[in-house]
Amino acid sequence: MKSSISVIILTYNEEINIENCLKSIIDWASEVIIVDSFSTDKTLEIARKYTNKIAQRTFVNQAEQFNWALDNLEIKNNWILRLDADEYLTEELKQEISNLFKNISVNQHENQRESARAVNGYYIKRRVHFMGRWIKHGGYYPSWILRLFRKGKGRSEEREMDEHIILLEGRAEKLKNDFIDDNKNNLEWWIDKHNRFSSREVKEILKEKKNFQIKAGLFKGPIARKRWAKEKLYLRLPAFWRACFYFIYRYFLRFGFLDGKQGLIFHFLQGLWYRFLVDAKIFELKKHEKKQK
């Protein structure tokens, strides 16, 4: 028997990843919804083998696209799981979620809806694979992300980058098992993607913060704690140097070197090169603004 869960997946040219994602959930979730940004490869051809619930819409950013799906698509189940096309669920996680919902009776669900302390969401650990290796060190695992939530009780925060789901009411608990982030594209694709990400992150760093965002704080949950470290510590360090400090912290102090050659490539590119690129684009933008003035 399938779990009463609706899975929402955002896609754009994901033919290399989407089938692995769908195979992991199609016999487990009772509803799978694809929101595609007009893919030009075989993404939709593959997706149609697994689900007929496919919507297409021009992409603005991840947060805006996901919130549009919540507001405009018919979602039949009371629980929603957000997945990326390059992610998949472990058998242990699927069994844990199925058992969790089996043990909650209808009456308990109704009582939870009436309580301000209701459990309306669940954090799940993300396990990142890079070049075929689990990146287990460098402070990169476990990364707790709120991905499973009750319909009507959660929305994506309004950010260009690093967006997370916010519960509108109630509280979240943690699940024991992991989901896997394992993008099959090559290194050239990865670098190109992170180059685009760096431009979006610059916009996020420099723009005026919107109200609907997770507030940074040491004692407000795992995402708020990471954001506090970034906003209150990292971004207050000298530009360019902070990328170097961060790499040293990840690779040596948090034992990133234990992740082997793949770990060296990942921690260097994601922890140093990417962060340095963000600072370089901020520097370029501010220099251009001075010239304009």
Protein backbone atom coordinates (compact mmCIF):
# COMPACT_ATOMS: atom_id res chain seq x y z
CA MET A 1 0.00 0.00 0.00
CA LYS A 2 1.34 3.41 -1.00
CA SER A 3 1.91 6.18 1.53
CA SER A 4 -0.52 9.10 1.49
CA ILE A 5 2.18 11.55 0.47
CA SER A 6 2.37 13.96 -2.47
CA VAL A 7 5.90 14.42 -3.85
CA ILE A 8 6.63 17.66 -5.73
CA ILE A 9 9.67 17.74 -8.03
CA LEU A 10 10.91 20.80 -9.94
CA THR A 11 12.68 19.98 -13.21
CA TYR A 12 14.61 21.54 -16.07
CA ASN A 13 16.69 19.37 -18.43
CA GLU A 14 17.11 16.58 -15.90
CA GLU A 15 17.10 13.55 -18.22
CA ILE A 16 20.28 12.20 -16.62
CA ASN A 17 18.83 12.29 -13.08
CA ILE A 18 15.03 12.20 -13.12
CA GLU A 19 14.50 8.47 -13.65
CA ASN A 20 16.60 7.53 -10.63
CA CYS A 21 14.54 9.96 -8.54
CA LEU A 22 11.18 8.69 -9.79
CA LYS A 23 12.11 5.02 -9.44
CA SER A 24 12.76 5.60 -5.74
CA ILE A 25 9.28 6.96 -5.02
CA ILE A 26 6.80 5.74 -7.65
CA ASP A 27 5.84 2.56 -5.77
CA TRP A 28 5.84 4.36 -2.42
CA ALA A 29 4.13 7.76 -2.81
CA SER A 30 0.48 7.88 -3.88
CA GLU A 31 0.98 11.11 -5.84
CA VAL A 32 3.98 12.43 -7.81
CA ILE A 33 3.80 15.95 -9.30
CA ILE A 34 6.35 17.35 -11.77
CA VAL A 35 6.69 21.12 -12.25
CA ASP A 36 8.85 21.59 -15.34
CA SER A 37 10.44 24.77 -16.68
CA PHE A 38 10.07 23.83 -20.38
CA SER A 39 12.83 21.24 -20.61
CA THR A 40 14.37 20.75 -24.05
CA ASP A 41 15.79 17.27 -23.43
CA LYS A 42 14.03 13.96 -22.61
CA THR A 43 13.01 14.95 -19.08
CA LEU A 44 9.27 14.97 -19.78
CA GLU A 45 9.41 11.86 -21.94
CA ILE A 46 10.93 9.99 -19.00
CA ALA A 47 8.63 11.59 -16.42
CA ARG A 48 5.48 10.58 -18.32
CA LYS A 49 6.40 6.92 -17.84
CA TYR A 50 5.89 7.43 -14.09
CA THR A 51 3.25 10.13 -13.67
CA ASN A 52 0.67 12.08 -15.67
CA LYS A 53 0.65 14.97 -13.21
CA ILE A 54 2.97 17.37 -15.02
CA ALA A 55 2.74 21.16 -15.10
CA GLN A 56 4.96 23.55 -17.06
CA ARG A 57 5.80 27.08 -16.07
CA THR A 58 8.56 29.62 -16.75
CA PHE A 59 11.21 29.47 -14.03
CA VAL A 60 12.03 32.49 -11.86
CA ASN A 61 13.72 30.82 -8.90
CA GLN A 62 13.25 27.67 -6.84
CA ALA A 63 11.28 29.37 -4.07
CA GLU A 64 8.84 31.13 -6.39
CA GLN A 65 8.32 27.98 -8.48
CA PHE A 66 7.63 25.76 -5.49
CA ASN A 67 5.24 28.22 -3.86
CA TRP A 68 3.37 28.53 -7.16
CA ALA A 69 2.90 24.75 -7.15
CA LEU A 70 1.52 24.87 -3.60
CA ASP A 71 -0.90 27.66 -4.49
CA ASN A 72 -2.10 26.56 -7.92
CA LEU A 73 -1.90 22.78 -8.31
CA GLU A 74 -4.40 20.28 -6.97
CA ILE A 75 -2.57 18.29 -4.28
CA LYS A 76 -4.63 15.41 -2.97
CA ASN A 77 -2.70 14.36 0.14
CA ASN A 78 -2.28 16.06 3.50
CA TRP A 79 1.49 15.57 3.54
CA ILE A 80 3.93 16.96 0.95
CA LEU A 81 7.52 15.94 0.28
CA ARG A 82 9.77 18.31 -1.67
CA LEU A 83 12.46 16.61 -3.79
CA ASP A 84 14.98 17.78 -6.38
CA ALA A 85 15.36 15.79 -9.59
CA ASP A 86 18.88 14.68 -8.63
CA GLU A 87 17.75 13.31 -5.24
CA TYR A 88 16.27 10.00 -4.21
CA LEU A 89 15.01 8.31 -1.05
CA THR A 90 16.68 5.40 0.71
CA GLU A 91 14.59 2.33 1.47
CA GLU A 92 15.17 2.97 5.19
CA LEU A 93 13.76 6.49 4.96
CA LYS A 94 10.69 5.36 3.02
CA GLN A 95 10.00 2.66 5.60
CA GLU A 96 10.48 5.13 8.46
CA ILE A 97 8.00 7.61 6.97
CA SER A 98 5.48 4.87 6.20
CA ASN A 99 5.69 3.55 9.75
CA LEU A 100 5.41 7.07 11.13
CA PHE A 101 2.12 7.72 9.36
CA LYS A 102 0.74 4.27 10.15
CA ASN A 103 1.19 4.95 13.85
CA ILE A 104 -0.72 8.23 13.76
CA SER A 105 -4.46 7.63 13.93
CA VAL A 106 -7.06 9.88 12.29
CA ASN A 107 -8.01 11.30 15.70
CA GLN A 108 -4.40 12.11 16.48
CA HIS A 109 -4.15 13.98 13.17
CA GLU A 110 -7.22 16.04 14.03
CA ASN A 111 -5.94 16.80 17.54
CA GLN A 112 -2.58 17.88 16.12
CA ARG A 113 -4.22 20.32 13.74
CA GLU A 114 -5.83 22.09 16.68
CA SER A 115 -2.62 22.41 18.66
CA ALA A 116 -0.08 25.20 18.30
CA ARG A 117 2.54 22.58 19.16
CA ALA A 118 1.41 20.17 16.45
CA VAL A 119 4.12 18.35 14.52
CA ASN A 120 3.60 19.82 11.05
CA GLY A 121 6.98 19.06 9.51
CA TYR A 122 10.03 16.83 9.57
CA TYR A 123 13.72 17.53 9.06
CA ILE A 124 15.56 14.93 6.98
CA LYS A 125 19.32 14.44 6.66
CA ARG A 126 20.79 15.05 3.22
CA ARG A 127 23.65 12.77 2.17
CA VAL A 128 25.60 14.34 -0.72
CA HIS A 129 27.41 12.13 -3.24
CA PHE A 130 30.05 13.73 -5.47
CA MET A 131 31.85 11.87 -8.25
CA GLY A 132 30.50 8.65 -6.81
CA ARG A 133 31.65 9.26 -3.23
CA TRP A 134 29.67 10.17 -0.13
CA ILE A 135 30.97 13.52 1.18
CA LYS A 136 30.83 12.61 4.83
CA HIS A 137 33.26 15.08 6.41
CA GLY A 138 34.10 18.76 6.32
CA GLY A 139 30.98 19.63 8.31
CA TYR A 140 28.88 18.70 5.27
CA TYR A 141 27.06 15.79 6.88
CA PRO A 142 24.58 15.68 8.43
CA SER A 143 22.76 18.60 6.82
CA TRP A 144 19.23 18.82 8.24
CA ILE A 145 16.61 20.12 5.80
CA LEU A 146 12.87 20.46 6.32
CA ARG A 147 11.41 18.62 3.32
CA LEU A 148 8.29 16.84 4.62
CA PHE A 149 5.40 18.99 5.86
CA ARG A 150 1.65 19.10 6.25
CA LYS A 151 -0.27 20.74 3.39
CA GLY A 152 -1.18 24.33 4.17
CA LYS A 153 1.37 24.51 6.99
CA GLY A 154 4.55 25.25 5.05
CA ARG A 155 5.95 27.49 2.29
CA SER A 156 9.33 28.20 0.79
CA GLU A 157 11.01 31.33 2.12
CA GLU A 158 11.51 34.15 -0.40
CA ARG A 159 15.18 33.90 -1.34
CA GLU A 160 17.22 33.82 -4.54
CA MET A 161 19.48 31.09 -3.13
CA ASP A 162 19.62 28.59 -0.29
CA GLU A 163 15.86 28.69 0.19
CA HIS A 164 14.20 26.49 2.81
CA ILE A 165 10.66 25.58 3.77
CA ILE A 166 9.20 27.52 6.70
CA LEU A 167 6.40 26.13 8.84
CA LEU A 168 3.54 28.60 9.17
CA GLU A 169 2.54 27.05 12.48
CA GLY A 170 3.41 24.09 14.67
CA ARG A 171 6.81 22.50 15.08
CA ALA A 172 9.15 20.12 13.27
CA GLU A 173 10.85 16.93 14.40
CA LYS A 174 13.79 15.00 12.95
CA LEU A 175 13.71 11.69 11.10
CA LYS A 176 16.50 9.15 11.56
CA ASN A 177 17.28 8.17 7.97
CA ASP A 178 18.73 10.00 4.95
CA PHE A 179 17.82 11.04 1.46
CA ILE A 180 20.55 11.07 -1.20
CA ASP A 181 21.71 14.01 -3.33
CA ASP A 182 23.58 12.41 -6.26
CA ASN A 183 23.80 14.50 -9.42
CA LYS A 184 25.10 12.46 -12.37
CA ASN A 185 26.25 15.40 -14.51
CA ASN A 186 29.96 16.01 -15.12
CA LEU A 187 32.31 18.50 -13.50
CA GLU A 188 31.95 21.07 -16.29
CA TRP A 189 28.19 21.15 -15.64
CA TRP A 190 28.77 21.44 -11.88
CA ILE A 191 31.13 24.41 -12.32
CA ASP A 192 28.72 26.14 -14.72
CA LYS A 193 25.85 25.65 -12.26
CA HIS A 194 27.82 27.07 -9.35
CA ASN A 195 28.90 30.03 -11.47
CA ARG A 196 25.20 30.82 -11.94
CA PHE A 197 24.54 30.15 -8.25
CA SER A 198 27.26 32.63 -7.29
CA SER A 199 25.49 35.43 -9.18
CA ARG A 200 22.22 34.61 -7.42
CA GLU A 201 23.98 34.52 -4.05
CA VAL A 202 25.49 37.96 -4.66
CA LYS A 203 21.97 39.31 -5.25
CA GLU A 204 20.78 37.63 -2.05
CA ILE A 205 23.65 39.01 0.04
CA LEU A 206 23.27 42.59 -1.21
CA LYS A 207 19.50 42.94 -1.41
CA GLU A 208 17.23 44.13 1.37
CA LYS A 209 15.98 41.12 3.33
CA LYS A 210 12.33 40.19 2.94
CA ASN A 211 10.08 39.37 5.87
CA PHE A 212 9.25 35.82 4.89
CA GLN A 213 12.63 34.26 5.66
CA ILE A 214 14.12 32.11 8.37
CA LYS A 215 15.70 34.43 10.91
CA ALA A 216 19.30 33.68 11.84
CA GLY A 217 19.67 32.41 15.39
CA LEU A 218 21.76 30.01 17.42
CA PHE A 219 18.81 28.34 19.11
CA LYS A 220 16.13 28.38 16.40
CA GLY A 221 16.86 25.11 14.63
CA PRO A 222 19.56 23.71 12.31
CA ILE A 223 18.90 26.01 9.34
CA ALA A 224 18.70 29.18 11.46
CA ARG A 225 21.93 28.13 13.21
CA LYS A 226 23.81 27.74 9.91
CA ARG A 227 22.45 31.07 8.70
CA TRP A 228 23.60 32.74 11.94
CA ALA A 229 27.13 31.39 11.39
CA LYS A 230 27.13 32.71 7.84
CA GLU A 231 25.62 36.15 8.49
CA LYS A 232 27.14 36.93 11.90
CA LEU A 233 30.54 35.31 11.48
CA TYR A 234 31.53 34.44 7.91
CA LEU A 235 30.24 37.57 6.13
CA ARG A 236 31.90 39.81 8.72
CA LEU A 237 35.34 38.45 7.90
CA PRO A 238 37.50 40.22 5.25
CA ALA A 239 36.40 39.47 1.68
CA PHE A 240 38.51 36.87 -0.19
CA TRP A 241 40.34 35.86 2.99
CA ARG A 242 37.17 34.41 4.44
CA ALA A 243 36.96 31.89 1.58
CA CYS A 244 40.48 30.72 2.42
CA PHE A 245 39.66 30.47 6.14
CA TYR A 246 36.50 28.54 5.36
CA PHE A 247 38.37 25.99 3.23
CA ILE A 248 40.98 25.47 5.96
CA TYR A 249 38.19 25.01 8.49
CA ARG A 250 36.36 22.46 6.34
CA TYR A 251 39.28 20.54 4.90
CA PHE A 252 41.57 20.36 7.91
CA LEU A 253 39.67 21.19 11.12
CA ARG A 254 36.52 19.30 10.07
CA PHE A 255 38.50 16.44 8.47
CA GLY A 256 37.41 16.99 4.87
CA PHE A 257 40.66 15.33 3.78
CA LEU A 258 39.14 12.00 4.89
CA ASP A 259 36.81 12.17 1.87
CA GLY A 260 39.66 11.24 -0.49
CA LYS A 261 40.39 12.76 -3.90
CA GLN A 262 36.71 13.43 -4.54
CA GLY A 263 36.60 15.24 -1.21
CA LEU A 264 39.61 17.38 -2.12
CA ILE A 265 37.92 18.43 -5.38
CA PHE A 266 34.56 19.04 -3.70
CA HIS A 267 35.77 20.95 -0.63
CA PHE A 268 38.18 23.05 -2.73
CA LEU A 269 35.62 23.96 -5.38
CA GLN A 270 32.57 24.30 -3.15
CA GLY A 271 34.31 25.66 -0.04
CA LEU A 272 37.02 27.89 -1.58
CA TRP A 273 36.53 28.53 -5.32
CA TYR A 274 32.77 29.14 -5.08
CA ARG A 275 33.05 31.40 -2.02
CA PHE A 276 35.96 33.31 -3.60
CA LEU A 277 33.90 33.76 -6.78
CA VAL A 278 31.02 35.25 -4.78
CA ASP A 279 33.42 37.77 -3.19
CA ALA A 280 34.93 38.59 -6.59
CA LYS A 281 31.50 39.33 -8.06
CA ILE A 282 30.60 41.52 -5.08
CA PHE A 283 33.89 43.39 -5.56
CA GLU A 284 33.22 43.85 -9.29
CA LEU A 285 29.68 45.09 -8.67
CA LYS A 286 30.70 47.62 -6.02
CA LYS A 287 33.55 48.87 -8.20
CA HIS A 288 31.10 49.38 -11.07
CA GLU A 289 28.70 51.25 -8.77
CA LYS A 290 31.50 53.62 -7.69
CA LYS A 291 32.27 54.41 -11.33
CA GLN A 292 28.62 55.11 -12.02
CA LYS A 293 28.49 57.56 -9.11
